[in-house]
Amino acid sequence: MAAYPGNIGAASNKIPNRLRFSKPTPKPWESPPPGWRGSKPEWAIYWALEKLGRKEGVDFFWQSPFAGGRLNRGGAIIDFVLPDLNLGIRVQGIYWHYERMNTQALDQIQLVAIEGSGMIVVDIDEDDALKNPLVFTRYAMQGIDKSRRIRR
């Protein structure tokens, strides 16, 4: 049998490279560096802040305690603080911050306390952080909150 285009034979059994499926290249914010202590969504925002020219310890602080942090009643850990913008960014996991009622109440209490100190608070949802961290970090730096958080 002659090998014609479209025949399933030995001659046409090879698939051209341009038609082969390959693993997608991971985006740089999807792979935290070894030793990273936070979540993947937090890494994505950290990565975005650095891409936007910010330096940790100078232009932003990661895992910054507010009013004593988790150890004091009314305290909180703010994922990112940008002092020059008087801004706190909280990265919100869907399960931990939206599906658990007691966590939602605690988040609201912490929000009121942080905003009461004069700081602007913007939440970034984990799915947005992983989808396009640069866009959502830019929104946050402008004080625009695109999260699912219930507005007061």
C-alpha atoms as a PDB file:
ATOM      1  CA  MET A   1       0.000   0.000   0.000  1.00  0.00           C
ATOM      2  CA  ALA A   2       1.366   3.371  -0.967  1.00  0.00           C
ATOM      3  CA  ALA A   3       1.698   6.029   1.688  1.00  0.00           C
ATOM      4  CA  TYR A   4      -0.675   8.849   0.805  1.00  0.00           C
ATOM      5  CA  PRO A   5      -1.248  11.974   2.859  1.00  0.00           C
ATOM      6  CA  GLY A   6      -3.888  11.124   5.416  1.00  0.00           C
ATOM      7  CA  ASN A   7      -3.221   7.358   5.332  1.00  0.00           C
ATOM      8  CA  ILE A   8      -2.395   5.809   8.638  1.00  0.00           C
ATOM      9  CA  GLY A   9       0.695   4.004   7.583  1.00  0.00           C
ATOM     10  CA  ALA A  10       4.333   3.824   8.482  1.00  0.00           C
ATOM     11  CA  ALA A  11       5.224   6.821   6.339  1.00  0.00           C
ATOM     12  CA  SER A  12       2.560   9.140   7.818  1.00  0.00           C
ATOM     13  CA  ASN A  13       2.833   7.946  11.405  1.00  0.00           C
ATOM     14  CA  LYS A  14       5.081  10.815  12.448  1.00  0.00           C
ATOM     15  CA  ILE A  15       3.432  13.888  13.891  1.00  0.00           C
ATOM     16  CA  PRO A  16       5.122  17.171  12.960  1.00  0.00           C
ATOM     17  CA  ASN A  17       6.636  18.993  15.945  1.00  0.00           C
ATOM     18  CA  ARG A  18       4.371  22.005  15.430  1.00  0.00           C
ATOM     19  CA  LEU A  19       1.350  19.781  16.138  1.00  0.00           C
ATOM     20  CA  ARG A  20       2.737  18.052  19.231  1.00  0.00           C
ATOM     21  CA  PHE A  21       1.410  19.062  22.608  1.00  0.00           C
ATOM     22  CA  SER A  22       3.934  20.262  25.114  1.00  0.00           C
ATOM     23  CA  LYS A  23       3.692  21.205  28.738  1.00  0.00           C
ATOM     24  CA  PRO A  24       2.906  24.883  29.127  1.00  0.00           C
ATOM     25  CA  THR A  25       5.778  26.896  30.518  1.00  0.00           C
ATOM     26  CA  PRO A  26       4.908  27.925  34.075  1.00  0.00           C
ATOM     27  CA  LYS A  27       4.527  31.628  34.641  1.00  0.00           C
ATOM     28  CA  PRO A  28       7.211  33.056  36.951  1.00  0.00           C
ATOM     29  CA  TRP A  29       4.716  33.856  39.711  1.00  0.00           C
ATOM     30  CA  GLU A  30       3.421  30.255  39.761  1.00  0.00           C
ATOM     31  CA  SER A  31       6.643  28.793  41.165  1.00  0.00           C
ATOM     32  CA  PRO A  32       7.772  30.268  44.478  1.00  0.00           C
ATOM     33  CA  PRO A  33      11.513  30.047  45.126  1.00  0.00           C
ATOM     34  CA  PRO A  34      12.840  27.338  47.451  1.00  0.00           C
ATOM     35  CA  GLY A  35      12.360  28.348  51.060  1.00  0.00           C
ATOM     36  CA  TRP A  36       9.369  30.635  50.398  1.00  0.00           C
ATOM     37  CA  ARG A  37       7.272  30.607  53.582  1.00  0.00           C
ATOM     38  CA  GLY A  38       4.019  32.021  52.244  1.00  0.00           C
ATOM     39  CA  SER A  39       1.282  30.841  49.923  1.00  0.00           C
ATOM     40  CA  LYS A  40       1.502  30.767  46.124  1.00  0.00           C
ATOM     41  CA  PRO A  41      -0.923  33.725  45.813  1.00  0.00           C
ATOM     42  CA  GLU A  42       1.228  35.716  48.258  1.00  0.00           C
ATOM     43  CA  TRP A  43       4.298  34.859  46.162  1.00  0.00           C
ATOM     44  CA  ALA A  44       2.469  36.103  43.048  1.00  0.00           C
ATOM     45  CA  ILE A  45       1.834  39.509  44.662  1.00  0.00           C
ATOM     46  CA  TYR A  46       5.382  39.643  46.058  1.00  0.00           C
ATOM     47  CA  TRP A  47       6.684  38.900  42.541  1.00  0.00           C
ATOM     48  CA  ALA A  48       4.433  41.617  41.066  1.00  0.00           C
ATOM     49  CA  LEU A  49       5.606  44.221  43.592  1.00  0.00           C
ATOM     50  CA  GLU A  50       9.205  43.464  42.688  1.00  0.00           C
ATOM     51  CA  LYS A  51       8.394  43.636  38.956  1.00  0.00           C
ATOM     52  CA  LEU A  52       6.854  47.046  39.594  1.00  0.00           C
ATOM     53  CA  GLY A  53      10.173  48.226  41.026  1.00  0.00           C
ATOM     54  CA  ARG A  54       9.435  47.797  44.729  1.00  0.00           C
ATOM     55  CA  LYS A  55      11.985  46.334  47.138  1.00  0.00           C
ATOM     56  CA  GLU A  56      11.079  44.360  50.251  1.00  0.00           C
ATOM     57  CA  GLY A  57      12.169  46.097  53.437  1.00  0.00           C
ATOM     58  CA  VAL A  58      12.338  49.458  51.670  1.00  0.00           C
ATOM     59  CA  ASP A  59       9.195  49.998  49.567  1.00  0.00           C
ATOM     60  CA  PHE A  60       7.060  47.226  51.035  1.00  0.00           C
ATOM     61  CA  PHE A  61       6.985  44.900  53.994  1.00  0.00           C
ATOM     62  CA  TRP A  62       5.731  41.307  53.827  1.00  0.00           C
ATOM     63  CA  GLN A  63       3.793  39.699  56.701  1.00  0.00           C
ATOM     64  CA  SER A  64       3.753  42.908  58.701  1.00  0.00           C
ATOM     65  CA  PRO A  65       2.219  42.722  62.196  1.00  0.00           C
ATOM     66  CA  PHE A  66      -0.497  45.239  63.014  1.00  0.00           C
ATOM     67  CA  ALA A  67      -1.363  46.029  66.649  1.00  0.00           C
ATOM     68  CA  GLY A  68       0.717  43.138  67.963  1.00  0.00           C
ATOM     69  CA  GLY A  69       0.031  40.682  65.152  1.00  0.00           C
ATOM     70  CA  ARG A  70      -1.802  37.428  65.793  1.00  0.00           C
ATOM     71  CA  LEU A  71      -0.720  37.286  69.425  1.00  0.00           C
ATOM     72  CA  ASN A  72      -2.787  40.252  70.621  1.00  0.00           C
ATOM     73  CA  ARG A  73      -6.548  40.600  70.578  1.00  0.00           C
ATOM     74  CA  GLY A  74      -7.482  42.904  67.724  1.00  0.00           C
ATOM     75  CA  GLY A  75      -4.101  42.369  66.082  1.00  0.00           C
ATOM     76  CA  ALA A  76      -3.535  41.101  62.589  1.00  0.00           C
ATOM     77  CA  ILE A  77      -0.885  40.204  60.073  1.00  0.00           C
ATOM     78  CA  ILE A  78      -1.108  42.330  56.940  1.00  0.00           C
ATOM     79  CA  ASP A  79       0.323  40.438  53.985  1.00  0.00           C
ATOM     80  CA  PHE A  80       1.899  43.521  52.376  1.00  0.00           C
ATOM     81  CA  VAL A  81       2.321  47.050  53.684  1.00  0.00           C
ATOM     82  CA  LEU A  82       3.371  49.865  51.347  1.00  0.00           C
ATOM     83  CA  PRO A  83       4.159  52.747  53.716  1.00  0.00           C
ATOM     84  CA  ASP A  84       4.544  55.431  51.043  1.00  0.00           C
ATOM     85  CA  LEU A  85       0.976  54.737  49.884  1.00  0.00           C
ATOM     86  CA  ASN A  86      -0.326  54.145  53.418  1.00  0.00           C
ATOM     87  CA  LEU A  87      -1.654  50.888  51.986  1.00  0.00           C
ATOM     88  CA  GLY A  88      -2.144  47.386  53.289  1.00  0.00           C
ATOM     89  CA  ILE A  89      -2.751  44.531  50.845  1.00  0.00           C
ATOM     90  CA  ARG A  90      -4.340  41.345  52.119  1.00  0.00           C
ATOM     91  CA  VAL A  91      -4.244  38.234  49.915  1.00  0.00           C
ATOM     92  CA  GLN A  92      -7.457  36.336  50.554  1.00  0.00           C
ATOM     93  CA  GLY A  93      -7.753  32.600  50.024  1.00  0.00           C
ATOM     94  CA  ILE A  94     -11.234  31.569  48.926  1.00  0.00           C
ATOM     95  CA  TYR A  95     -11.652  28.786  51.494  1.00  0.00           C
ATOM     96  CA  TRP A  96     -10.077  30.523  54.473  1.00  0.00           C
ATOM     97  CA  HIS A  97     -11.527  33.981  53.954  1.00  0.00           C
ATOM     98  CA  TYR A  98     -14.888  33.494  52.219  1.00  0.00           C
ATOM     99  CA  GLU A  99     -16.247  30.031  52.988  1.00  0.00           C
ATOM    100  CA  ARG A 100     -15.697  30.014  56.758  1.00  0.00           C
ATOM    101  CA  MET A 101     -18.136  32.284  58.610  1.00  0.00           C
ATOM    102  CA  ASN A 102     -15.980  32.817  61.700  1.00  0.00           C
ATOM    103  CA  THR A 103     -13.047  33.904  59.512  1.00  0.00           C
ATOM    104  CA  GLN A 104     -15.234  36.383  57.628  1.00  0.00           C
ATOM    105  CA  ALA A 105     -16.217  38.023  60.899  1.00  0.00           C
ATOM    106  CA  LEU A 106     -12.592  38.165  62.064  1.00  0.00           C
ATOM    107  CA  ASP A 107     -11.524  39.655  58.714  1.00  0.00           C
ATOM    108  CA  GLN A 108     -14.151  42.403  59.076  1.00  0.00           C
ATOM    109  CA  ILE A 109     -13.037  43.179  62.638  1.00  0.00           C
ATOM    110  CA  GLN A 110      -9.409  43.383  61.517  1.00  0.00           C
ATOM    111  CA  LEU A 111     -10.380  45.527  58.527  1.00  0.00           C
ATOM    112  CA  VAL A 112     -12.181  48.042  60.746  1.00  0.00           C
ATOM    113  CA  ALA A 113      -9.212  48.174  63.134  1.00  0.00           C
ATOM    114  CA  ILE A 114      -6.654  48.663  60.343  1.00  0.00           C
ATOM    115  CA  GLU A 115      -8.725  51.261  58.512  1.00  0.00           C
ATOM    116  CA  GLY A 116      -9.377  52.956  61.845  1.00  0.00           C
ATOM    117  CA  SER A 117      -5.644  53.547  62.123  1.00  0.00           C
ATOM    118  CA  GLY A 118      -5.817  55.497  58.857  1.00  0.00           C
ATOM    119  CA  MET A 119      -4.440  52.827  56.529  1.00  0.00           C
ATOM    120  CA  ILE A 120      -6.133  51.970  53.235  1.00  0.00           C
ATOM    121  CA  VAL A 121      -6.827  48.232  52.968  1.00  0.00           C
ATOM    122  CA  VAL A 122      -7.240  46.408  49.663  1.00  0.00           C
ATOM    123  CA  ASP A 123      -7.909  42.693  49.367  1.00  0.00           C
ATOM    124  CA  ILE A 124      -6.750  40.598  46.425  1.00  0.00           C
ATOM    125  CA  ASP A 125      -8.437  37.223  45.987  1.00  0.00           C
ATOM    126  CA  GLU A 126      -6.167  34.222  45.474  1.00  0.00           C
ATOM    127  CA  ASP A 127      -7.590  33.365  42.051  1.00  0.00           C
ATOM    128  CA  ASP A 128      -6.977  36.931  40.826  1.00  0.00           C
ATOM    129  CA  ALA A 129      -3.449  36.912  42.270  1.00  0.00           C
ATOM    130  CA  LEU A 130      -2.633  33.717  40.394  1.00  0.00           C
ATOM    131  CA  LYS A 131      -4.378  34.754  37.175  1.00  0.00           C
ATOM    132  CA  ASN A 132      -2.717  38.145  36.687  1.00  0.00           C
ATOM    133  CA  PRO A 133      -0.757  39.460  39.670  1.00  0.00           C
ATOM    134  CA  LEU A 134       0.567  42.562  37.905  1.00  0.00           C
ATOM    135  CA  VAL A 135      -2.899  43.837  37.000  1.00  0.00           C
ATOM    136  CA  PHE A 136      -4.407  43.230  40.429  1.00  0.00           C
ATOM    137  CA  THR A 137      -1.372  44.638  42.241  1.00  0.00           C
ATOM    138  CA  ARG A 138      -1.609  47.811  40.135  1.00  0.00           C
ATOM    139  CA  TYR A 139      -5.304  48.078  41.057  1.00  0.00           C
ATOM    140  CA  ALA A 140      -4.410  47.615  44.719  1.00  0.00           C
ATOM    141  CA  MET A 141      -1.717  50.293  44.565  1.00  0.00           C
ATOM    142  CA  GLN A 142      -4.392  52.693  43.291  1.00  0.00           C
ATOM    143  CA  GLY A 143      -6.648  51.759  46.223  1.00  0.00           C
ATOM    144  CA  ILE A 144      -9.027  49.786  43.970  1.00  0.00           C
ATOM    145  CA  ASP A 145     -10.388  46.632  45.588  1.00  0.00           C
ATOM    146  CA  LYS A 146     -11.663  44.033  43.085  1.00  0.00           C
ATOM    147  CA  SER A 147     -12.115  41.272  45.676  1.00  0.00           C
ATOM    148  CA  ARG A 148     -15.293  39.451  46.694  1.00  0.00           C
ATOM    149  CA  ARG A 149     -15.199  41.161  50.103  1.00  0.00           C
ATOM    150  CA  ILE A 150     -18.534  42.455  51.333  1.00  0.00           C
ATOM    151  CA  ARG A 151     -18.364  46.243  51.355  1.00  0.00           C
ATOM    152  CA  ARG A 152     -19.615  48.124  54.393  1.00  0.00           C
END
